[in-house]
């Protein structure tokens, strides 16, 4: 899902690289989204994420990746700078 045409996505699609945010605001890199947004029994919105290497291994082996739930508001979609450089410099 994107904010607008040609802008960085706000919600990751399965397979997209993501950064996870800790409660203290620090960023953890090296993850892939395994699912889109889902709601829990308590109403929290989560996204299932896997470590980059686990994601690649699972794709190669044809199985589901071992993943964990992470709050959607603390997931950032990773977009390489070169892809969006034109948009930011307009």
PDB file of N, CA and C in Angstrom:
ATOM      1  N   UNK A   1       0.854  -1.165   0.000  1.00  0.00           N
ATOM      2  CA  UNK A   1       0.000   0.000   0.000  1.00  0.00           C
ATOM      3  C   UNK A   1       0.901   1.230   0.000  1.00  0.00           C
ATOM      4  N   UNK A   2       0.573   2.187  -0.811  1.00  0.00           N
ATOM      5  CA  UNK A   2       1.411   3.377  -0.883  1.00  0.00           C
ATOM      6  C   UNK A   2       0.625   4.617  -0.524  1.00  0.00           C
ATOM      7  N   UNK A   3       1.345   5.635  -0.121  1.00  0.00           N
ATOM      8  CA  UNK A   3       0.742   6.922   0.211  1.00  0.00           C
ATOM      9  C   UNK A   3       0.180   7.582  -1.037  1.00  0.00           C
ATOM     10  N   UNK A   4       0.841   7.443  -2.114  1.00  0.00           N
ATOM     11  CA  UNK A   4       0.409   8.010  -3.380  1.00  0.00           C
ATOM     12  C   UNK A   4       1.196   7.367  -4.502  1.00  0.00           C
ATOM     13  N   UNK A   5       0.816   7.664  -5.697  1.00  0.00           N
ATOM     14  CA  UNK A   5       1.484   7.056  -6.836  1.00  0.00           C
ATOM     15  C   UNK A   5       2.968   7.412  -6.844  1.00  0.00           C
ATOM     16  N   UNK A   6       3.810   6.383  -6.907  1.00  0.00           N
ATOM     17  CA  UNK A   6       5.241   6.601  -6.987  1.00  0.00           C
ATOM     18  C   UNK A   6       5.916   6.971  -5.686  1.00  0.00           C
ATOM     19  N   UNK A   7       5.254   6.823  -4.560  1.00  0.00           N
ATOM     20  CA  UNK A   7       5.853   7.160  -3.269  1.00  0.00           C
ATOM     21  C   UNK A   7       6.139   5.891  -2.478  1.00  0.00           C
ATOM     22  N   UNK A   8       7.035   5.957  -1.491  1.00  0.00           N
ATOM     23  CA  UNK A   8       7.367   4.756  -0.714  1.00  0.00           C
ATOM     24  C   UNK A   8       6.147   4.150  -0.027  1.00  0.00           C
ATOM     25  N   UNK A   9       6.067   2.822   0.042  1.00  0.00           N
ATOM     26  CA  UNK A   9       4.922   2.157   0.662  1.00  0.00           C
ATOM     27  C   UNK A   9       4.885   2.364   2.176  1.00  0.00           C
ATOM     28  N   UNK A  10       3.680   2.401   2.730  1.00  0.00           N
ATOM     29  CA  UNK A  10       3.491   2.543   4.164  1.00  0.00           C
ATOM     30  C   UNK A  10       3.367   1.189   4.845  1.00  0.00           C
ATOM     31  N   UNK A  11       2.777   0.229   4.153  1.00  0.00           N
ATOM     32  CA  UNK A  11       2.560  -1.117   4.694  1.00  0.00           C
ATOM     33  C   UNK A  11       3.283  -2.095   3.780  1.00  0.00           C
ATOM     34  N   UNK A  12       4.093  -2.984   4.354  1.00  0.00           N
ATOM     35  CA  UNK A  12       4.859  -3.892   3.499  1.00  0.00           C
ATOM     36  C   UNK A  12       4.007  -4.993   2.886  1.00  0.00           C
ATOM     37  N   UNK A  13       4.383  -5.376   1.692  1.00  0.00           N
ATOM     38  CA  UNK A  13       3.828  -6.564   1.059  1.00  0.00           C
ATOM     39  C   UNK A  13       4.694  -7.733   1.491  1.00  0.00           C
ATOM     40  N   UNK A  14       4.156  -8.941   1.512  1.00  0.00           N
ATOM     41  CA  UNK A  14       4.985 -10.100   1.848  1.00  0.00           C
ATOM     42  C   UNK A  14       6.213 -10.155   0.936  1.00  0.00           C
ATOM     43  N   UNK A  15       7.372 -10.351   1.557  1.00  0.00           N
ATOM     44  CA  UNK A  15       8.625 -10.421   0.820  1.00  0.00           C
ATOM     45  C   UNK A  15       9.419  -9.126   0.813  1.00  0.00           C
ATOM     46  N   UNK A  16       8.815  -8.015   1.192  1.00  0.00           N
ATOM     47  CA  UNK A  16       9.547  -6.746   1.210  1.00  0.00           C
ATOM     48  C   UNK A  16      10.475  -6.668   2.413  1.00  0.00           C
ATOM     49  N   UNK A  17      11.610  -6.003   2.215  1.00  0.00           N
ATOM     50  CA  UNK A  17      12.535  -5.770   3.316  1.00  0.00           C
ATOM     51  C   UNK A  17      11.931  -4.746   4.252  1.00  0.00           C
ATOM     52  N   UNK A  18      12.089  -4.988   5.553  1.00  0.00           N
ATOM     53  CA  UNK A  18      11.566  -4.063   6.562  1.00  0.00           C
ATOM     54  C   UNK A  18      12.595  -3.842   7.660  1.00  0.00           C
ATOM     55  N   UNK A  19      12.460  -2.727   8.339  1.00  0.00           N
ATOM     56  CA  UNK A  19      13.225  -2.443   9.555  1.00  0.00           C
ATOM     57  C   UNK A  19      12.235  -2.457  10.705  1.00  0.00           C
ATOM     58  N   UNK A  20      12.656  -2.998  11.829  1.00  0.00           N
ATOM     59  CA  UNK A  20      11.800  -3.039  13.010  1.00  0.00           C
ATOM     60  C   UNK A  20      12.256  -1.960  13.978  1.00  0.00           C
ATOM     61  N   UNK A  21      11.303  -1.304  14.614  1.00  0.00           N
ATOM     62  CA  UNK A  21      11.623  -0.269  15.578  1.00  0.00           C
ATOM     63  C   UNK A  21      11.410  -0.806  16.983  1.00  0.00           C
ATOM     64  N   UNK A  22      12.415  -0.625  17.835  1.00  0.00           N
ATOM     65  CA  UNK A  22      12.288  -0.985  19.245  1.00  0.00           C
ATOM     66  C   UNK A  22      11.484   0.084  19.965  1.00  0.00           C
ATOM     67  N   UNK A  23      11.076  -0.212  21.182  1.00  0.00           N
ATOM     68  CA  UNK A  23      10.332   0.764  21.977  1.00  0.00           C
ATOM     69  C   UNK A  23      11.156   2.012  22.256  1.00  0.00           C
ATOM     70  N   UNK A  24      12.493   1.867  22.316  1.00  0.00           N
ATOM     71  CA  UNK A  24      13.348   3.029  22.566  1.00  0.00           C
ATOM     72  C   UNK A  24      13.646   3.823  21.300  1.00  0.00           C
ATOM     73  N   UNK A  25      13.079   3.406  20.162  1.00  0.00           N
ATOM     74  CA  UNK A  25      13.248   4.124  18.911  1.00  0.00           C
ATOM     75  C   UNK A  25      14.398   3.621  18.049  1.00  0.00           C
ATOM     76  N   UNK A  26      15.211   2.706  18.557  1.00  0.00           N
ATOM     77  CA  UNK A  26      16.311   2.185  17.754  1.00  0.00           C
ATOM     78  C   UNK A  26      15.766   1.266  16.667  1.00  0.00           C
ATOM     79  N   UNK A  27      16.530   1.139  15.604  1.00  0.00           N
ATOM     80  CA  UNK A  27      16.103   0.382  14.430  1.00  0.00           C
ATOM     81  C   UNK A  27      16.868  -0.941  14.351  1.00  0.00           C
ATOM     82  N   UNK A  28      16.148  -2.022  14.033  1.00  0.00           N
ATOM     83  CA  UNK A  28      16.746  -3.342  13.818  1.00  0.00           C
ATOM     84  C   UNK A  28      16.585  -3.655  12.336  1.00  0.00           C
ATOM     85  N   UNK A  29      17.699  -3.922  11.669  1.00  0.00           N
ATOM     86  CA  UNK A  29      17.661  -4.184  10.236  1.00  0.00           C
ATOM     87  C   UNK A  29      17.808  -5.672   9.957  1.00  0.00           C
ATOM     88  N   UNK A  30      17.519  -6.066   8.709  1.00  0.00           N
ATOM     89  CA  UNK A  30      17.732  -7.448   8.285  1.00  0.00           C
ATOM     90  C   UNK A  30      16.522  -8.343   8.406  1.00  0.00           C
ATOM     91  N   UNK A  31      15.336  -7.805   8.150  1.00  0.00           N
ATOM     92  CA  UNK A  31      14.102  -8.588   8.233  1.00  0.00           C
ATOM     93  C   UNK A  31      13.307  -8.469   6.950  1.00  0.00           C
ATOM     94  N   UNK A  32      12.440  -9.440   6.727  1.00  0.00           N
ATOM     95  CA  UNK A  32      11.491  -9.433   5.609  1.00  0.00           C
ATOM     96  C   UNK A  32      10.089  -9.630   6.144  1.00  0.00           C
ATOM     97  N   UNK A  33       9.131  -8.956   5.554  1.00  0.00           N
ATOM     98  CA  UNK A  33       7.729  -9.169   5.901  1.00  0.00           C
ATOM     99  C   UNK A  33       7.312 -10.529   5.338  1.00  0.00           C
ATOM    100  N   UNK A  34       6.616 -11.304   6.145  1.00  0.00           N
ATOM    101  CA  UNK A  34       6.135 -12.613   5.714  1.00  0.00           C
ATOM    102  C   UNK A  34       4.634 -12.538   5.431  1.00  0.00           C
ATOM    103  N   UNK A  35       3.970 -11.572   6.047  1.00  0.00           N
ATOM    104  CA  UNK A  35       2.527 -11.407   5.844  1.00  0.00           C
ATOM    105  C   UNK A  35       2.208  -9.929   5.692  1.00  0.00           C
ATOM    106  N   UNK A  36       0.982  -9.676   5.287  1.00  0.00           N
ATOM    107  CA  UNK A  36       0.470  -8.321   5.326  1.00  0.00           C
ATOM    108  C   UNK A  36      -0.056  -8.066   6.727  1.00  0.00           C
ATOM    109  N   UNK A  37      -0.708  -6.934   6.952  1.00  0.00           N
ATOM    110  CA  UNK A  37      -1.244  -6.636   8.282  1.00  0.00           C
ATOM    111  C   UNK A  37      -2.348  -7.619   8.674  1.00  0.00           C
ATOM    112  N   UNK A  38      -2.324  -8.010   9.944  1.00  0.00           N
ATOM    113  CA  UNK A  38      -3.347  -8.904  10.506  1.00  0.00           C
ATOM    114  C   UNK A  38      -3.741  -8.344  11.860  1.00  0.00           C
ATOM    115  N   UNK A  39      -4.943  -8.653  12.305  1.00  0.00           N
ATOM    116  CA  UNK A  39      -5.340  -8.215  13.640  1.00  0.00           C
ATOM    117  C   UNK A  39      -5.342  -9.415  14.585  1.00  0.00           C
ATOM    118  N   UNK A  40      -4.965  -9.147  15.824  1.00  0.00           N
ATOM    119  CA  UNK A  40      -4.945 -10.191  16.849  1.00  0.00           C
ATOM    120  C   UNK A  40      -6.306 -10.246  17.536  1.00  0.00           C
ATOM    121  N   UNK A  41      -6.461 -11.180  18.448  1.00  0.00           N
ATOM    122  CA  UNK A  41      -7.713 -11.309  19.198  1.00  0.00           C
ATOM    123  C   UNK A  41      -7.993 -10.059  20.031  1.00  0.00           C
ATOM    124  N   UNK A  42      -6.932  -9.349  20.416  1.00  0.00           N
ATOM    125  CA  UNK A  42      -7.097  -8.143  21.235  1.00  0.00           C
ATOM    126  C   UNK A  42      -7.276  -6.885  20.388  1.00  0.00           C
ATOM    127  N   UNK A  43      -7.234  -7.032  19.053  1.00  0.00           N
ATOM    128  CA  UNK A  43      -7.437  -5.895  18.172  1.00  0.00           C
ATOM    129  C   UNK A  43      -6.162  -5.200  17.724  1.00  0.00           C
ATOM    130  N   UNK A  44      -5.009  -5.683  18.173  1.00  0.00           N
ATOM    131  CA  UNK A  44      -3.736  -5.086  17.757  1.00  0.00           C
ATOM    132  C   UNK A  44      -3.439  -5.494  16.315  1.00  0.00           C
ATOM    133  N   UNK A  45      -2.880  -4.573  15.545  1.00  0.00           N
ATOM    134  CA  UNK A  45      -2.494  -4.864  14.164  1.00  0.00           C
ATOM    135  C   UNK A  45      -1.025  -5.285  14.166  1.00  0.00           C
ATOM    136  N   UNK A  46      -0.747  -6.455  13.595  1.00  0.00           N
ATOM    137  CA  UNK A  46       0.613  -6.986  13.558  1.00  0.00           C
ATOM    138  C   UNK A  46       1.005  -7.344  12.131  1.00  0.00           C
ATOM    139  N   UNK A  47       2.304  -7.518  11.935  1.00  0.00           N
ATOM    140  CA  UNK A  47       2.847  -8.026  10.688  1.00  0.00           C
ATOM    141  C   UNK A  47       3.825  -9.125  11.076  1.00  0.00           C
ATOM    142  N   UNK A  48       3.744 -10.264  10.410  1.00  0.00           N
ATOM    143  CA  UNK A  48       4.682 -11.349  10.692  1.00  0.00           C
ATOM    144  C   UNK A  48       5.957 -11.069   9.902  1.00  0.00           C
ATOM    145  N   UNK A  49       7.098 -11.164  10.594  1.00  0.00           N
ATOM    146  CA  UNK A  49       8.399 -10.887   9.981  1.00  0.00           C
ATOM    147  C   UNK A  49       9.351 -12.038  10.262  1.00  0.00           C
ATOM    148  N   UNK A  50      10.323 -12.208   9.365  1.00  0.00           N
ATOM    149  CA  UNK A  50      11.347 -13.242   9.515  1.00  0.00           C
ATOM    150  C   UNK A  50      12.710 -12.615   9.264  1.00  0.00           C
ATOM    151  N   UNK A  51      13.730 -13.218   9.862  1.00  0.00           N
ATOM    152  CA  UNK A  51      15.103 -12.798   9.593  1.00  0.00           C
ATOM    153  C   UNK A  51      15.381 -13.022   8.106  1.00  0.00           C
ATOM    154  N   UNK A  52      16.140 -12.128   7.515  1.00  0.00           N
ATOM    155  CA  UNK A  52      16.429 -12.170   6.080  1.00  0.00           C
ATOM    156  C   UNK A  52      16.898 -13.559   5.621  1.00  0.00           C
ATOM    157  N   UNK A  53      17.868 -14.145   6.309  1.00  0.00           N
ATOM    158  CA  UNK A  53      18.406 -15.441   5.894  1.00  0.00           C
ATOM    159  C   UNK A  53      17.353 -16.545   5.993  1.00  0.00           C
ATOM    160  N   UNK A  54      16.543 -16.528   7.035  1.00  0.00           N
ATOM    161  CA  UNK A  54      15.469 -17.523   7.180  1.00  0.00           C
ATOM    162  C   UNK A  54      14.474 -17.378   6.038  1.00  0.00           C
ATOM    163  N   UNK A  55      14.158 -16.156   5.667  1.00  0.00           N
ATOM    164  CA  UNK A  55      13.229 -15.923   4.564  1.00  0.00           C
ATOM    165  C   UNK A  55      13.790 -16.512   3.266  1.00  0.00           C
ATOM    166  N   UNK A  56      15.058 -16.229   2.978  1.00  0.00           N
ATOM    167  CA  UNK A  56      15.683 -16.744   1.754  1.00  0.00           C
ATOM    168  C   UNK A  56      15.738 -18.271   1.764  1.00  0.00           C
ATOM    169  N   UNK A  57      16.124 -18.848   2.905  1.00  0.00           N
ATOM    170  CA  UNK A  57      16.194 -20.311   3.014  1.00  0.00           C
ATOM    171  C   UNK A  57      14.823 -20.943   2.790  1.00  0.00           C
ATOM    172  N   UNK A  58      13.790 -20.356   3.365  1.00  0.00           N
ATOM    173  CA  UNK A  58      12.446 -20.920   3.218  1.00  0.00           C
ATOM    174  C   UNK A  58      11.964 -20.838   1.776  1.00  0.00           C
ATOM    175  N   UNK A  59      12.301 -19.763   1.088  1.00  0.00           N
ATOM    176  CA  UNK A  59      11.915 -19.637  -0.319  1.00  0.00           C
ATOM    177  C   UNK A  59      12.628 -20.693  -1.165  1.00  0.00           C
ATOM    178  N   UNK A  60      13.902 -20.888  -0.902  1.00  0.00           N
ATOM    179  CA  UNK A  60      14.686 -21.861  -1.654  1.00  0.00           C
ATOM    180  C   UNK A  60      14.197 -23.292  -1.386  1.00  0.00           C
ATOM    181  N   UNK A  61      13.794 -23.565  -0.136  1.00  0.00           N
ATOM    182  CA  UNK A  61      13.363 -24.908   0.250  1.00  0.00           C
ATOM    183  C   UNK A  61      11.865 -25.151   0.048  1.00  0.00           C
ATOM    184  N   UNK A  62      11.124 -24.136  -0.351  1.00  0.00           N
ATOM    185  CA  UNK A  62       9.705 -24.298  -0.618  1.00  0.00           C
ATOM    186  C   UNK A  62       8.853 -24.512   0.629  1.00  0.00           C
ATOM    187  N   UNK A  63       9.195 -23.835   1.701  1.00  0.00           N
ATOM    188  CA  UNK A  63       8.434 -23.972   2.949  1.00  0.00           C
ATOM    189  C   UNK A  63       8.137 -22.578   3.512  1.00  0.00           C
ATOM    190  N   UNK A  64       7.279 -22.555   4.530  1.00  0.00           N
ATOM    191  CA  UNK A  64       6.984 -21.283   5.205  1.00  0.00           C
ATOM    192  C   UNK A  64       8.155 -20.870   6.078  1.00  0.00           C
ATOM    193  N   UNK A  65       8.405 -19.589   6.129  1.00  0.00           N
ATOM    194  CA  UNK A  65       9.490 -19.079   6.972  1.00  0.00           C
ATOM    195  C   UNK A  65       9.059 -19.082   8.436  1.00  0.00           C
ATOM    196  N   UNK A  66       9.996 -19.385   9.303  1.00  0.00           N
ATOM    197  CA  UNK A  66       9.758 -19.258  10.742  1.00  0.00           C
ATOM    198  C   UNK A  66       9.730 -17.761  11.017  1.00  0.00           C
ATOM    199  N   UNK A  67       8.623 -17.273  11.565  1.00  0.00           N
ATOM    200  CA  UNK A  67       8.450 -15.828  11.708  1.00  0.00           C
ATOM    201  C   UNK A  67       7.948 -15.467  13.093  1.00  0.00           C
ATOM    202  N   UNK A  68       7.916 -14.167  13.343  1.00  0.00           N
ATOM    203  CA  UNK A  68       7.396 -13.660  14.612  1.00  0.00           C
ATOM    204  C   UNK A  68       6.484 -12.471  14.325  1.00  0.00           C
ATOM    205  N   UNK A  69       5.575 -12.223  15.246  1.00  0.00           N
ATOM    206  CA  UNK A  69       4.648 -11.099  15.108  1.00  0.00           C
ATOM    207  C   UNK A  69       5.320  -9.828  15.616  1.00  0.00           C
ATOM    208  N   UNK A  70       5.104  -8.722  14.904  1.00  0.00           N
ATOM    209  CA  UNK A  70       5.646  -7.431  15.307  1.00  0.00           C
ATOM    210  C   UNK A  70       4.546  -6.390  15.096  1.00  0.00           C
ATOM    211  N   UNK A  71       4.372  -5.454  16.046  1.00  0.00           N
ATOM    212  CA  UNK A  71       3.331  -4.431  15.885  1.00  0.00           C
ATOM    213  C   UNK A  71       3.522  -3.632  14.595  1.00  0.00           C
ATOM    214  N   UNK A  72       2.466  -3.472  13.835  1.00  0.00           N
ATOM    215  CA  UNK A  72       2.545  -2.805  12.535  1.00  0.00           C
ATOM    216  C   UNK A  72       3.044  -1.370  12.648  1.00  0.00           C
ATOM    217  N   UNK A  73       2.709  -0.677  13.734  1.00  0.00           N
ATOM    218  CA  UNK A  73       3.150   0.718  13.851  1.00  0.00           C
ATOM    219  C   UNK A  73       4.656   0.829  14.098  1.00  0.00           C
ATOM    220  N   UNK A  74       5.309  -0.316  14.374  1.00  0.00           N
ATOM    221  CA  UNK A  74       6.758  -0.307  14.593  1.00  0.00           C
ATOM    222  C   UNK A  74       7.499  -1.062  13.493  1.00  0.00           C
ATOM    223  N   UNK A  75       6.900  -1.112  12.306  1.00  0.00           N
ATOM    224  CA  UNK A  75       7.530  -1.720  11.139  1.00  0.00           C
ATOM    225  C   UNK A  75       7.676  -0.636  10.076  1.00  0.00           C
ATOM    226  N   UNK A  76       8.894  -0.458   9.571  1.00  0.00           N
ATOM    227  CA  UNK A  76       9.151   0.490   8.491  1.00  0.00           C
ATOM    228  C   UNK A  76       9.538  -0.289   7.245  1.00  0.00           C
ATOM    229  N   UNK A  77       8.940   0.083   6.128  1.00  0.00           N
ATOM    230  CA  UNK A  77       9.303  -0.544   4.861  1.00  0.00           C
ATOM    231  C   UNK A  77      10.645   0.027   4.425  1.00  0.00           C
ATOM    232  N   UNK A  78      11.591  -0.846   4.085  1.00  0.00           N
ATOM    233  CA  UNK A  78      12.897  -0.404   3.607  1.00  0.00           C
ATOM    234  C   UNK A  78      12.803  -0.168   2.116  1.00  0.00           C
ATOM    235  N   UNK A  79      13.145   1.034   1.699  1.00  0.00           N
ATOM    236  CA  UNK A  79      13.147   1.382   0.284  1.00  0.00           C
ATOM    237  C   UNK A  79      14.538   1.916  -0.045  1.00  0.00           C
ATOM    238  N   UNK A  80      15.249   1.276  -0.961  1.00  0.00           N
ATOM    239  CA  UNK A  80      16.580   1.768  -1.305  1.00  0.00           C
ATOM    240  C   UNK A  80      16.529   3.222  -1.775  1.00  0.00           C
ATOM    241  N   UNK A  81      17.489   4.002  -1.336  1.00  0.00           N
ATOM    242  CA  UNK A  81      17.506   5.442  -1.634  1.00  0.00           C
ATOM    243  C   UNK A  81      17.488   5.720  -3.128  1.00  0.00           C
ATOM    244  N   UNK A  82      18.249   4.963  -3.907  1.00  0.00           N
ATOM    245  CA  UNK A  82      18.328   5.256  -5.332  1.00  0.00           C
ATOM    246  C   UNK A  82      16.974   5.152  -6.017  1.00  0.00           C
ATOM    247  N   UNK A  83      16.100   4.312  -5.506  1.00  0.00           N
ATOM    248  CA  UNK A  83      14.785   4.125  -6.122  1.00  0.00           C
ATOM    249  C   UNK A  83      13.895   5.349  -5.919  1.00  0.00           C
ATOM    250  N   UNK A  84      14.067   6.040  -4.808  1.00  0.00           N
ATOM    251  CA  UNK A  84      13.189   7.161  -4.489  1.00  0.00           C
ATOM    252  C   UNK A  84      13.891   8.507  -4.564  1.00  0.00           C
ATOM    253  N   UNK A  85      15.141   8.519  -4.993  1.00  0.00           N
ATOM    254  CA  UNK A  85      15.910   9.752  -5.040  1.00  0.00           C
ATOM    255  C   UNK A  85      15.212  10.800  -5.893  1.00  0.00           C
ATOM    256  N   UNK A  86      14.685  10.399  -7.029  1.00  0.00           N
ATOM    257  CA  UNK A  86      13.983  11.343  -7.909  1.00  0.00           C
ATOM    258  C   UNK A  86      12.796  11.979  -7.201  1.00  0.00           C
ATOM    259  N   UNK A  87      12.042  11.166  -6.455  1.00  0.00           N
ATOM    260  CA  UNK A  87      10.842  11.669  -5.789  1.00  0.00           C
ATOM    261  C   UNK A  87      11.211  12.689  -4.720  1.00  0.00           C
ATOM    262  N   UNK A  88      12.267  12.405  -3.938  1.00  0.00           N
ATOM    263  CA  UNK A  88      12.661  13.298  -2.868  1.00  0.00           C
ATOM    264  C   UNK A  88      13.277  14.596  -3.354  1.00  0.00           C
ATOM    265  N   UNK A  89      13.870  14.600  -4.542  1.00  0.00           N
ATOM    266  CA  UNK A  89      14.585  15.777  -5.018  1.00  0.00           C
ATOM    267  C   UNK A  89      13.762  16.631  -5.972  1.00  0.00           C
ATOM    268  N   UNK A  90      12.507  16.322  -6.154  1.00  0.00           N
ATOM    269  CA  UNK A  90      11.657  17.141  -7.041  1.00  0.00           C
ATOM    270  C   UNK A  90      11.355  18.473  -6.428  1.00  0.00           C
TER     271      UNK A  90
END
